[in-house]
Protein backbone atom coordinates (compact mmCIF):
# COMPACT_ATOMS: atom_id res chain seq x y z
CA MET A 1 -15.72 2.31 5.09
CA ASP A 2 -12.35 3.21 6.61
CA THR A 3 -10.00 0.43 7.66
CA GLY A 4 -7.42 2.65 9.34
CA TRP A 5 -3.71 2.20 8.61
CA PHE A 6 -2.31 -1.33 8.67
CA LYS A 7 0.84 -3.22 7.67
CA SER A 8 0.83 -6.21 5.39
CA SER A 9 0.43 -9.54 7.11
CA ARG A 10 3.60 -10.52 5.22
CA SER A 11 5.70 -7.81 6.90
CA SER A 12 8.31 -9.30 9.17
CA GLY A 13 8.40 -7.99 12.71
CA GLY A 14 12.09 -7.08 12.64
CA SER A 15 12.15 -5.27 9.31
CA ASP A 16 12.13 -1.49 8.90
CA ASN A 17 11.16 -1.82 5.24
CA CYS A 18 7.41 -1.66 5.63
CA VAL A 19 4.60 0.36 4.19
CA GLU A 20 1.15 0.88 5.63
CA VAL A 21 -2.08 0.88 3.68
CA ARG A 22 -5.41 2.54 4.42
CA ILE A 23 -8.53 1.60 2.49
CA SER A 24 -11.47 3.99 2.39
CA SER A 25 -14.38 4.55 0.05
CA GLY A 26 -12.95 4.76 -3.46
CA GLU A 27 -9.35 5.42 -2.36
CA VAL A 28 -6.30 3.56 -1.07
CA GLY A 29 -3.57 5.35 0.87
CA LEU A 30 0.04 4.22 1.13
CA ARG A 31 2.71 5.55 3.51
CA ASP A 32 6.09 4.67 5.00
CA SER A 33 5.63 3.00 8.38
CA LYS A 34 8.69 4.84 9.76
CA GLU A 35 7.38 8.28 8.69
CA ARG A 36 3.75 8.13 9.74
CA SER A 37 3.42 11.90 9.92
CA GLY A 38 5.09 12.28 6.53
CA PRO A 39 3.48 12.29 3.10
CA ALA A 40 1.16 9.55 1.91
CA PHE A 41 0.24 8.50 -1.61
CA ALA A 42 -3.41 8.19 -2.60
CA PHE A 43 -4.62 5.89 -5.37
CA SER A 44 -8.05 5.22 -6.77
CA SER A 45 -9.41 1.77 -5.98
CA SER A 46 -9.17 0.75 -9.63
CA VAL A 47 -5.50 1.78 -9.95
CA TRP A 48 -4.64 -0.01 -6.70
CA GLY A 49 -6.46 -3.14 -7.90
CA ALA A 50 -4.50 -3.13 -11.17
CA PHE A 51 -1.21 -2.71 -9.28
CA MET A 52 -2.02 -5.56 -6.88
CA ALA A 53 -3.04 -7.87 -9.74
CA GLN A 54 0.33 -7.30 -11.43
CA ALA A 55 2.27 -7.62 -8.15
CA LYS A 56 0.63 -10.97 -7.39
CA VAL A 57 2.03 -12.43 -10.61
CA GLY A 58 5.44 -10.85 -10.05
CA ARG A 59 5.23 -8.38 -12.89
CA PHE A 60 6.76 -5.00 -12.08
CA ASP A 61 8.03 -3.89 -15.49
CA PHE A 62 4.89 -1.78 -15.92
CA LEU A 63 6.31 0.61 -13.29
CA SER A 64 9.17 1.78 -15.50
């Protein structure tokens, strides 16, 4: 499965502060939407799931 790169449905059309995500088998990619040819981060599905679970409840202190 490869979803291709996509922006969040919550990204506003006029904002330059967007990231794009790509979901493939066992891995999630993350890149800056303004620098598509630049570097991308890769996370395991389990790490991405843990990050999203914390983000949904507004908890970001685990990043520091």
